[in-house]
Amino acid sequence: MRLTVHVHPGSRRGEVGGDYDGALVVRVRARAVDGAASDETLRVVADAFGVSPSSVDLVHGRRSRTKILELHGDESTLRTRLAELRSVGD
């Protein structure tokens, strides 16, 4: 499943939830220096979706706040979890 995320680097804690202009919001503690925020984004998203970090690939946006990720796993389970995460904060 392809997923667009909007990353907030330098956050108080790593978490996933909410919607920003159609993208899933991902907050990471790492600063946007030397790819640290991108690397943490992959780990935080994997944890939020209950998949291994190797099941999340960065497709586009290594140096951007908006990233496109590819998640590997059961499509139905991933879509259900996505809907739950998008509704956080509503």
PDB file of N, CA and C in Angstrom:
ATOM      1  N   MET A   1       0.851  -1.171   0.000  1.00  0.00           N
ATOM      2  CA  MET A   1       0.000   0.000   0.000  1.00  0.00           C
ATOM      3  C   MET A   1       0.897   1.235   0.000  1.00  0.00           C
ATOM      4  N   ARG A   2       0.597   2.171  -0.881  1.00  0.00           N
ATOM      5  CA  ARG A   2       1.305   3.457  -0.912  1.00  0.00           C
ATOM      6  C   ARG A   2       0.632   4.416   0.044  1.00  0.00           C
ATOM      7  N   LEU A   3       1.442   5.202   0.731  1.00  0.00           N
ATOM      8  CA  LEU A   3       0.945   6.100   1.760  1.00  0.00           C
ATOM      9  C   LEU A   3       1.720   7.408   1.707  1.00  0.00           C
ATOM     10  N   THR A   4       1.017   8.530   1.724  1.00  0.00           N
ATOM     11  CA  THR A   4       1.649   9.843   1.802  1.00  0.00           C
ATOM     12  C   THR A   4       1.610  10.294   3.249  1.00  0.00           C
ATOM     13  N   VAL A   5       2.774  10.713   3.763  1.00  0.00           N
ATOM     14  CA  VAL A   5       2.856  11.193   5.137  1.00  0.00           C
ATOM     15  C   VAL A   5       3.427  12.599   5.162  1.00  0.00           C
ATOM     16  N   HIS A   6       3.034  13.353   6.191  1.00  0.00           N
ATOM     17  CA  HIS A   6       3.583  14.687   6.431  1.00  0.00           C
ATOM     18  C   HIS A   6       4.324  14.615   7.756  1.00  0.00           C
ATOM     19  N   VAL A   7       5.630  14.845   7.726  1.00  0.00           N
ATOM     20  CA  VAL A   7       6.488  14.645   8.888  1.00  0.00           C
ATOM     21  C   VAL A   7       6.740  15.954   9.626  1.00  0.00           C
ATOM     22  N   HIS A   8       6.649  15.868  10.958  1.00  0.00           N
ATOM     23  CA  HIS A   8       6.989  16.985  11.846  1.00  0.00           C
ATOM     24  C   HIS A   8       8.242  16.580  12.625  1.00  0.00           C
ATOM     25  N   PRO A   9       9.439  16.964  12.145  1.00  0.00           N
ATOM     26  CA  PRO A   9      10.664  16.611  12.866  1.00  0.00           C
ATOM     27  C   PRO A   9      10.814  17.460  14.128  1.00  0.00           C
ATOM     28  N   GLY A  10      11.588  16.945  15.081  1.00  0.00           N
ATOM     29  CA  GLY A  10      11.863  17.685  16.306  1.00  0.00           C
ATOM     30  C   GLY A  10      10.689  17.731  17.264  1.00  0.00           C
ATOM     31  N   SER A  11       9.776  16.783  17.169  1.00  0.00           N
ATOM     32  CA  SER A  11       8.609  16.739  18.047  1.00  0.00           C
ATOM     33  C   SER A  11       8.994  16.191  19.417  1.00  0.00           C
ATOM     34  N   ARG A  12       8.112  16.383  20.364  1.00  0.00           N
ATOM     35  CA  ARG A  12       8.350  15.913  21.728  1.00  0.00           C
ATOM     36  C   ARG A  12       8.442  14.388  21.798  1.00  0.00           C
ATOM     37  N   ARG A  13       7.640  13.708  20.974  1.00  0.00           N
ATOM     38  CA  ARG A  13       7.678  12.237  20.937  1.00  0.00           C
ATOM     39  C   ARG A  13       7.308  11.752  19.532  1.00  0.00           C
ATOM     40  N   GLY A  14       7.677  10.525  19.247  1.00  0.00           N
ATOM     41  CA  GLY A  14       7.338   9.942  17.955  1.00  0.00           C
ATOM     42  C   GLY A  14       5.943   9.365  18.004  1.00  0.00           C
ATOM     43  N   GLU A  15       5.083   9.816  17.098  1.00  0.00           N
ATOM     44  CA  GLU A  15       3.712   9.309  17.052  1.00  0.00           C
ATOM     45  C   GLU A  15       3.111   9.523  15.679  1.00  0.00           C
ATOM     46  N   VAL A  16       2.075   8.750  15.401  1.00  0.00           N
ATOM     47  CA  VAL A  16       1.378   8.831  14.127  1.00  0.00           C
ATOM     48  C   VAL A  16      -0.090   9.081  14.412  1.00  0.00           C
ATOM     49  N   GLY A  17      -0.663  10.043  13.696  1.00  0.00           N
ATOM     50  CA  GLY A  17      -2.089  10.276  13.855  1.00  0.00           C
ATOM     51  C   GLY A  17      -2.503  11.635  13.347  1.00  0.00           C
ATOM     52  N   GLY A  18      -3.666  11.670  12.734  1.00  0.00           N
ATOM     53  CA  GLY A  18      -4.208  12.907  12.202  1.00  0.00           C
ATOM     54  C   GLY A  18      -4.017  12.997  10.701  1.00  0.00           C
ATOM     55  N   ASP A  19      -4.525  14.062  10.159  1.00  0.00           N
ATOM     56  CA  ASP A  19      -4.508  14.266   8.715  1.00  0.00           C
ATOM     57  C   ASP A  19      -4.050  15.689   8.431  1.00  0.00           C
ATOM     58  N   TYR A  20      -3.159  15.845   7.466  1.00  0.00           N
ATOM     59  CA  TYR A  20      -2.705  17.161   7.035  1.00  0.00           C
ATOM     60  C   TYR A  20      -2.799  17.204   5.520  1.00  0.00           C
ATOM     61  N   ASP A  21      -3.820  17.874   5.026  1.00  0.00           N
ATOM     62  CA  ASP A  21      -3.991  18.044   3.587  1.00  0.00           C
ATOM     63  C   ASP A  21      -3.946  16.712   2.833  1.00  0.00           C
ATOM     64  N   GLY A  22      -4.610  15.699   3.401  1.00  0.00           N
ATOM     65  CA  GLY A  22      -4.681  14.395   2.756  1.00  0.00           C
ATOM     66  C   GLY A  22      -3.560  13.444   3.095  1.00  0.00           C
ATOM     67  N   ALA A  23      -2.573  13.905   3.857  1.00  0.00           N
ATOM     68  CA  ALA A  23      -1.444  13.052   4.246  1.00  0.00           C
ATOM     69  C   ALA A  23      -1.564  12.681   5.718  1.00  0.00           C
ATOM     70  N   LEU A  24      -1.110  11.507   6.065  1.00  0.00           N
ATOM     71  CA  LEU A  24      -1.086  11.065   7.450  1.00  0.00           C
ATOM     72  C   LEU A  24       0.033  11.812   8.173  1.00  0.00           C
ATOM     73  N   VAL A  25      -0.256  12.339   9.357  1.00  0.00           N
ATOM     74  CA  VAL A  25       0.723  13.106  10.120  1.00  0.00           C
ATOM     75  C   VAL A  25       1.603  12.154  10.922  1.00  0.00           C
ATOM     76  N   VAL A  26       2.918  12.364  10.817  1.00  0.00           N
ATOM     77  CA  VAL A  26       3.896  11.580  11.566  1.00  0.00           C
ATOM     78  C   VAL A  26       4.806  12.561  12.299  1.00  0.00           C
ATOM     79  N   ARG A  27       4.859  12.421  13.618  1.00  0.00           N
ATOM     80  CA  ARG A  27       5.745  13.258  14.428  1.00  0.00           C
ATOM     81  C   ARG A  27       6.934  12.408  14.858  1.00  0.00           C
ATOM     82  N   VAL A  28       8.137  12.970  14.690  1.00  0.00           N
ATOM     83  CA  VAL A  28       9.351  12.255  15.086  1.00  0.00           C
ATOM     84  C   VAL A  28      10.223  13.164  15.939  1.00  0.00           C
ATOM     85  N   ARG A  29      10.968  12.565  16.833  1.00  0.00           N
ATOM     86  CA  ARG A  29      11.850  13.329  17.716  1.00  0.00           C
ATOM     87  C   ARG A  29      13.090  13.830  16.989  1.00  0.00           C
ATOM     88  N   ALA A  30      13.564  13.064  16.033  1.00  0.00           N
ATOM     89  CA  ALA A  30      14.798  13.408  15.320  1.00  0.00           C
ATOM     90  C   ALA A  30      14.629  14.714  14.548  1.00  0.00           C
ATOM     91  N   ARG A  31      15.701  15.441  14.476  1.00  0.00           N
ATOM     92  CA  ARG A  31      15.743  16.656  13.663  1.00  0.00           C
ATOM     93  C   ARG A  31      16.017  16.277  12.211  1.00  0.00           C
ATOM     94  N   ALA A  32      15.703  17.172  11.315  1.00  0.00           N
ATOM     95  CA  ALA A  32      15.901  16.934   9.886  1.00  0.00           C
ATOM     96  C   ALA A  32      17.362  17.193   9.505  1.00  0.00           C
ATOM     97  N   VAL A  33      18.240  16.346  10.009  1.00  0.00           N
ATOM     98  CA  VAL A  33      19.675  16.472   9.760  1.00  0.00           C
ATOM     99  C   VAL A  33      20.211  15.119   9.325  1.00  0.00           C
ATOM    100  N   ASP A  34      20.867  15.076   8.178  1.00  0.00           N
ATOM    101  CA  ASP A  34      21.503  13.860   7.671  1.00  0.00           C
ATOM    102  C   ASP A  34      20.550  12.667   7.565  1.00  0.00           C
ATOM    103  N   GLY A  35      19.296  12.922   7.262  1.00  0.00           N
ATOM    104  CA  GLY A  35      18.333  11.847   7.045  1.00  0.00           C
ATOM    105  C   GLY A  35      17.799  11.193   8.309  1.00  0.00           C
ATOM    106  N   ALA A  36      18.136  11.741   9.476  1.00  0.00           N
ATOM    107  CA  ALA A  36      17.705  11.141  10.743  1.00  0.00           C
ATOM    108  C   ALA A  36      16.187  11.132  10.872  1.00  0.00           C
ATOM    109  N   ALA A  37      15.533  12.218  10.478  1.00  0.00           N
ATOM    110  CA  ALA A  37      14.065  12.286  10.574  1.00  0.00           C
ATOM    111  C   ALA A  37      13.415  11.280   9.620  1.00  0.00           C
ATOM    112  N   SER A  38      13.970  11.104   8.449  1.00  0.00           N
ATOM    113  CA  SER A  38      13.424  10.127   7.498  1.00  0.00           C
ATOM    114  C   SER A  38      13.568   8.710   8.037  1.00  0.00           C
ATOM    115  N   ASP A  39      14.722   8.406   8.599  1.00  0.00           N
ATOM    116  CA  ASP A  39      14.948   7.067   9.155  1.00  0.00           C
ATOM    117  C   ASP A  39      13.986   6.788  10.303  1.00  0.00           C
ATOM    118  N   GLU A  40      13.817   7.769  11.190  1.00  0.00           N
ATOM    119  CA  GLU A  40      12.894   7.581  12.306  1.00  0.00           C
ATOM    120  C   GLU A  40      11.452   7.484  11.814  1.00  0.00           C
ATOM    121  N   THR A  41      11.116   8.209  10.762  1.00  0.00           N
ATOM    122  CA  THR A  41       9.767   8.140  10.199  1.00  0.00           C
ATOM    123  C   THR A  41       9.419   6.705   9.816  1.00  0.00           C
ATOM    124  N   LEU A  42      10.342   6.019   9.173  1.00  0.00           N
ATOM    125  CA  LEU A  42      10.092   4.635   8.762  1.00  0.00           C
ATOM    126  C   LEU A  42       9.845   3.737   9.972  1.00  0.00           C
ATOM    127  N   ARG A  43      10.628   3.925  11.030  1.00  0.00           N
ATOM    128  CA  ARG A  43      10.463   3.108  12.240  1.00  0.00           C
ATOM    129  C   ARG A  43       9.147   3.403  12.947  1.00  0.00           C
ATOM    130  N   VAL A  44       8.785   4.684  13.063  1.00  0.00           N
ATOM    131  CA  VAL A  44       7.557   5.071  13.760  1.00  0.00           C
ATOM    132  C   VAL A  44       6.330   4.581  12.992  1.00  0.00           C
ATOM    133  N   VAL A  45       6.349   4.703  11.683  1.00  0.00           N
ATOM    134  CA  VAL A  45       5.230   4.229  10.861  1.00  0.00           C
ATOM    135  C   VAL A  45       5.107   2.704  10.960  1.00  0.00           C
ATOM    136  N   ALA A  46       6.216   2.001  10.906  1.00  0.00           N
ATOM    137  CA  ALA A  46       6.184   0.536  11.031  1.00  0.00           C
ATOM    138  C   ALA A  46       5.545   0.134  12.357  1.00  0.00           C
ATOM    139  N   ASP A  47       5.937   0.789  13.423  1.00  0.00           N
ATOM    140  CA  ASP A  47       5.380   0.483  14.740  1.00  0.00           C
ATOM    141  C   ASP A  47       3.883   0.775  14.787  1.00  0.00           C
ATOM    142  N   ALA A  48       3.471   1.905  14.234  1.00  0.00           N
ATOM    143  CA  ALA A  48       2.055   2.295  14.256  1.00  0.00           C
ATOM    144  C   ALA A  48       1.179   1.324  13.463  1.00  0.00           C
ATOM    145  N   PHE A  49       1.720   0.750  12.404  1.00  0.00           N
ATOM    146  CA  PHE A  49       0.957  -0.176  11.568  1.00  0.00           C
ATOM    147  C   PHE A  49       1.161  -1.637  11.978  1.00  0.00           C
ATOM    148  N   GLY A  50       2.029  -1.877  12.953  1.00  0.00           N
ATOM    149  CA  GLY A  50       2.246  -3.233  13.425  1.00  0.00           C
ATOM    150  C   GLY A  50       2.980  -4.125  12.446  1.00  0.00           C
ATOM    151  N   VAL A  51       3.890  -3.532  11.680  1.00  0.00           N
ATOM    152  CA  VAL A  51       4.696  -4.302  10.735  1.00  0.00           C
ATOM    153  C   VAL A  51       6.171  -4.111  11.085  1.00  0.00           C
ATOM    154  N   SER A  52       7.020  -4.938  10.540  1.00  0.00           N
ATOM    155  CA  SER A  52       8.455  -4.800  10.798  1.00  0.00           C
ATOM    156  C   SER A  52       8.996  -3.588  10.039  1.00  0.00           C
ATOM    157  N   PRO A  53      10.056  -2.974  10.553  1.00  0.00           N
ATOM    158  CA  PRO A  53      10.641  -1.830   9.848  1.00  0.00           C
ATOM    159  C   PRO A  53      11.051  -2.151   8.407  1.00  0.00           C
ATOM    160  N   SER A  54      11.405  -3.396   8.135  1.00  0.00           N
ATOM    161  CA  SER A  54      11.786  -3.770   6.771  1.00  0.00           C
ATOM    162  C   SER A  54      10.582  -3.826   5.833  1.00  0.00           C
ATOM    163  N   SER A  55       9.367  -3.718   6.388  1.00  0.00           N
ATOM    164  CA  SER A  55       8.140  -3.727   5.581  1.00  0.00           C
ATOM    165  C   SER A  55       7.708  -2.331   5.150  1.00  0.00           C
ATOM    166  N   VAL A  56       8.526  -1.330   5.482  1.00  0.00           N
ATOM    167  CA  VAL A  56       8.218   0.054   5.114  1.00  0.00           C
ATOM    168  C   VAL A  56       9.381   0.599   4.294  1.00  0.00           C
ATOM    169  N   ASP A  57       9.088   1.033   3.078  1.00  0.00           N
ATOM    170  CA  ASP A  57      10.110   1.587   2.186  1.00  0.00           C
ATOM    171  C   ASP A  57       9.790   3.036   1.863  1.00  0.00           C
ATOM    172  N   LEU A  58      10.829   3.850   1.797  1.00  0.00           N
ATOM    173  CA  LEU A  58      10.691   5.236   1.370  1.00  0.00           C
ATOM    174  C   LEU A  58      10.768   5.269  -0.150  1.00  0.00           C
ATOM    175  N   VAL A  59       9.682   5.726  -0.786  1.00  0.00           N
ATOM    176  CA  VAL A  59       9.617   5.774  -2.242  1.00  0.00           C
ATOM    177  C   VAL A  59      10.067   7.134  -2.754  1.00  0.00           C
ATOM    178  N   HIS A  60       9.663   8.184  -2.053  1.00  0.00           N
ATOM    179  CA  HIS A  60       9.959   9.538  -2.514  1.00  0.00           C
ATOM    180  C   HIS A  60       9.942  10.504  -1.329  1.00  0.00           C
ATOM    181  N   GLY A  61      10.831  11.498  -1.344  1.00  0.00           N
ATOM    182  CA  GLY A  61      10.786  12.576  -0.366  1.00  0.00           C
ATOM    183  C   GLY A  61      11.783  12.486   0.768  1.00  0.00           C
ATOM    184  N   ARG A  62      12.926  11.883   0.538  1.00  0.00           N
ATOM    185  CA  ARG A  62      13.933  11.743   1.617  1.00  0.00           C
ATOM    186  C   ARG A  62      14.271  13.083   2.261  1.00  0.00           C
ATOM    187  N   ARG A  63      14.288  14.159   1.506  1.00  0.00           N
ATOM    188  CA  ARG A  63      14.667  15.468   2.034  1.00  0.00           C
ATOM    189  C   ARG A  63      13.473  16.418   2.144  1.00  0.00           C
ATOM    190  N   SER A  64      12.281  15.872   2.202  1.00  0.00           N
ATOM    191  CA  SER A  64      11.063  16.678   2.237  1.00  0.00           C
ATOM    192  C   SER A  64      10.214  16.275   3.437  1.00  0.00           C
ATOM    193  N   ARG A  65       9.382  17.181   3.907  1.00  0.00           N
ATOM    194  CA  ARG A  65       8.443  16.838   4.975  1.00  0.00           C
ATOM    195  C   ARG A  65       7.343  15.918   4.459  1.00  0.00           C
ATOM    196  N   THR A  66       7.025  16.024   3.182  1.00  0.00           N
ATOM    197  CA  THR A  66       6.024  15.150   2.576  1.00  0.00           C
ATOM    198  C   THR A  66       6.748  13.979   1.928  1.00  0.00           C
ATOM    199  N   LYS A  67       6.393  12.782   2.362  1.00  0.00           N
ATOM    200  CA  LYS A  67       7.064  11.580   1.884  1.00  0.00           C
ATOM    201  C   LYS A  67       6.032  10.580   1.377  1.00  0.00           C
ATOM    202  N   ILE A  68       6.439   9.759   0.443  1.00  0.00           N
ATOM    203  CA  ILE A  68       5.600   8.659  -0.025  1.00  0.00           C
ATOM    204  C   ILE A  68       6.276   7.373   0.422  1.00  0.00           C
ATOM    205  N   LEU A  69       5.508   6.564   1.146  1.00  0.00           N
ATOM    206  CA  LEU A  69       6.014   5.302   1.671  1.00  0.00           C
ATOM    207  C   LEU A  69       5.275   4.141   1.029  1.00  0.00           C
ATOM    208  N   GLU A  70       5.929   3.011   0.980  1.00  0.00           N
ATOM    209  CA  GLU A  70       5.314   1.765   0.535  1.00  0.00           C
ATOM    210  C   GLU A  70       5.310   0.830   1.735  1.00  0.00           C
ATOM    211  N   LEU A  71       4.104   0.398   2.143  1.00  0.00           N
ATOM    212  CA  LEU A  71       3.954  -0.533   3.253  1.00  0.00           C
ATOM    213  C   LEU A  71       3.607  -1.898   2.692  1.00  0.00           C
ATOM    214  N   HIS A  72       4.286  -2.924   3.196  1.00  0.00           N
ATOM    215  CA  HIS A  72       4.056  -4.296   2.748  1.00  0.00           C
ATOM    216  C   HIS A  72       3.372  -5.063   3.873  1.00  0.00           C
ATOM    217  N   GLY A  73       2.298  -5.728   3.540  1.00  0.00           N
ATOM    218  CA  GLY A  73       1.548  -6.504   4.519  1.00  0.00           C
ATOM    219  C   GLY A  73       0.146  -6.747   4.004  1.00  0.00           C
ATOM    220  N   ASP A  74      -0.719  -7.238   4.878  1.00  0.00           N
ATOM    221  CA  ASP A  74      -2.104  -7.504   4.507  1.00  0.00           C
ATOM    222  C   ASP A  74      -2.816  -6.177   4.214  1.00  0.00           C
ATOM    223  N   GLU A  75      -3.230  -5.991   2.978  1.00  0.00           N
ATOM    224  CA  GLU A  75      -3.840  -4.735   2.515  1.00  0.00           C
ATOM    225  C   GLU A  75      -5.040  -4.328   3.364  1.00  0.00           C
ATOM    226  N   SER A  76      -5.910  -5.260   3.671  1.00  0.00           N
ATOM    227  CA  SER A  76      -7.105  -4.971   4.451  1.00  0.00           C
ATOM    228  C   SER A  76      -6.747  -4.476   5.855  1.00  0.00           C
ATOM    229  N   THR A  77      -5.811  -5.138   6.493  1.00  0.00           N
ATOM    230  CA  THR A  77      -5.375  -4.752   7.835  1.00  0.00           C
ATOM    231  C   THR A  77      -4.720  -3.374   7.812  1.00  0.00           C
ATOM    232  N   LEU A  78      -3.880  -3.122   6.820  1.00  0.00           N
ATOM    233  CA  LEU A  78      -3.207  -1.831   6.710  1.00  0.00           C
ATOM    234  C   LEU A  78      -4.209  -0.703   6.494  1.00  0.00           C
ATOM    235  N   ARG A  79      -5.207  -0.917   5.638  1.00  0.00           N
ATOM    236  CA  ARG A  79      -6.210   0.123   5.367  1.00  0.00           C
ATOM    237  C   ARG A  79      -7.073   0.398   6.598  1.00  0.00           C
ATOM    238  N   THR A  80      -7.405  -0.639   7.352  1.00  0.00           N
ATOM    239  CA  THR A  80      -8.182  -0.453   8.575  1.00  0.00           C
ATOM    240  C   THR A  80      -7.388   0.378   9.579  1.00  0.00           C
ATOM    241  N   ARG A  81      -6.118   0.047   9.736  1.00  0.00           N
ATOM    242  CA  ARG A  81      -5.266   0.792  10.671  1.00  0.00           C
ATOM    243  C   ARG A  81      -5.078   2.231  10.206  1.00  0.00           C
ATOM    244  N   LEU A  82      -4.960   2.453   8.907  1.00  0.00           N
ATOM    245  CA  LEU A  82      -4.831   3.800   8.370  1.00  0.00           C
ATOM    246  C   LEU A  82      -6.037   4.639   8.722  1.00  0.00           C
ATOM    247  N   ALA A  83      -7.231   4.087   8.564  1.00  0.00           N
ATOM    248  CA  ALA A  83      -8.455   4.809   8.904  1.00  0.00           C
ATOM    249  C   ALA A  83      -8.475   5.180  10.386  1.00  0.00           C
ATOM    250  N   GLU A  84      -8.027   4.277  11.236  1.00  0.00           N
ATOM    251  CA  GLU A  84      -7.963   4.560  12.673  1.00  0.00           C
ATOM    252  C   GLU A  84      -6.982   5.680  12.975  1.00  0.00           C
ATOM    253  N   LEU A  85      -5.819   5.644  12.341  1.00  0.00           N
ATOM    254  CA  LEU A  85      -4.800   6.655  12.588  1.00  0.00           C
ATOM    255  C   LEU A  85      -5.207   8.030  12.061  1.00  0.00           C
ATOM    256  N   ARG A  86      -5.871   8.070  10.922  1.00  0.00           N
ATOM    257  CA  ARG A  86      -6.308   9.351  10.371  1.00  0.00           C
ATOM    258  C   ARG A  86      -7.329  10.042  11.282  1.00  0.00           C
ATOM    259  N   SER A  87      -8.134   9.241  11.986  1.00  0.00           N
ATOM    260  CA  SER A  87      -9.195   9.823  12.816  1.00  0.00           C
ATOM    261  C   SER A  87      -8.707  10.314  14.165  1.00  0.00           C
ATOM    262  N   VAL A  88      -7.448  10.041  14.514  1.00  0.00           N
ATOM    263  CA  VAL A  88      -6.904  10.521  15.785  1.00  0.00           C
ATOM    264  C   VAL A  88      -6.918  12.037  15.776  1.00  0.00           C
ATOM    265  N   GLY A  89      -7.472  12.602  16.826  1.00  0.00           N
ATOM    266  CA  GLY A  89      -7.508  14.055  16.931  1.00  0.00           C
ATOM    267  C   GLY A  89      -8.758  14.688  16.388  1.00  0.00           C
ATOM    268  N   ASP A  90      -9.654  13.908  15.785  1.00  0.00           N
ATOM    269  CA  ASP A  90     -10.911  14.473  15.262  1.00  0.00           C
ATOM    270  C   ASP A  90     -11.883  14.729  16.380  1.00  0.00           C
TER     271      ASP A  90
END
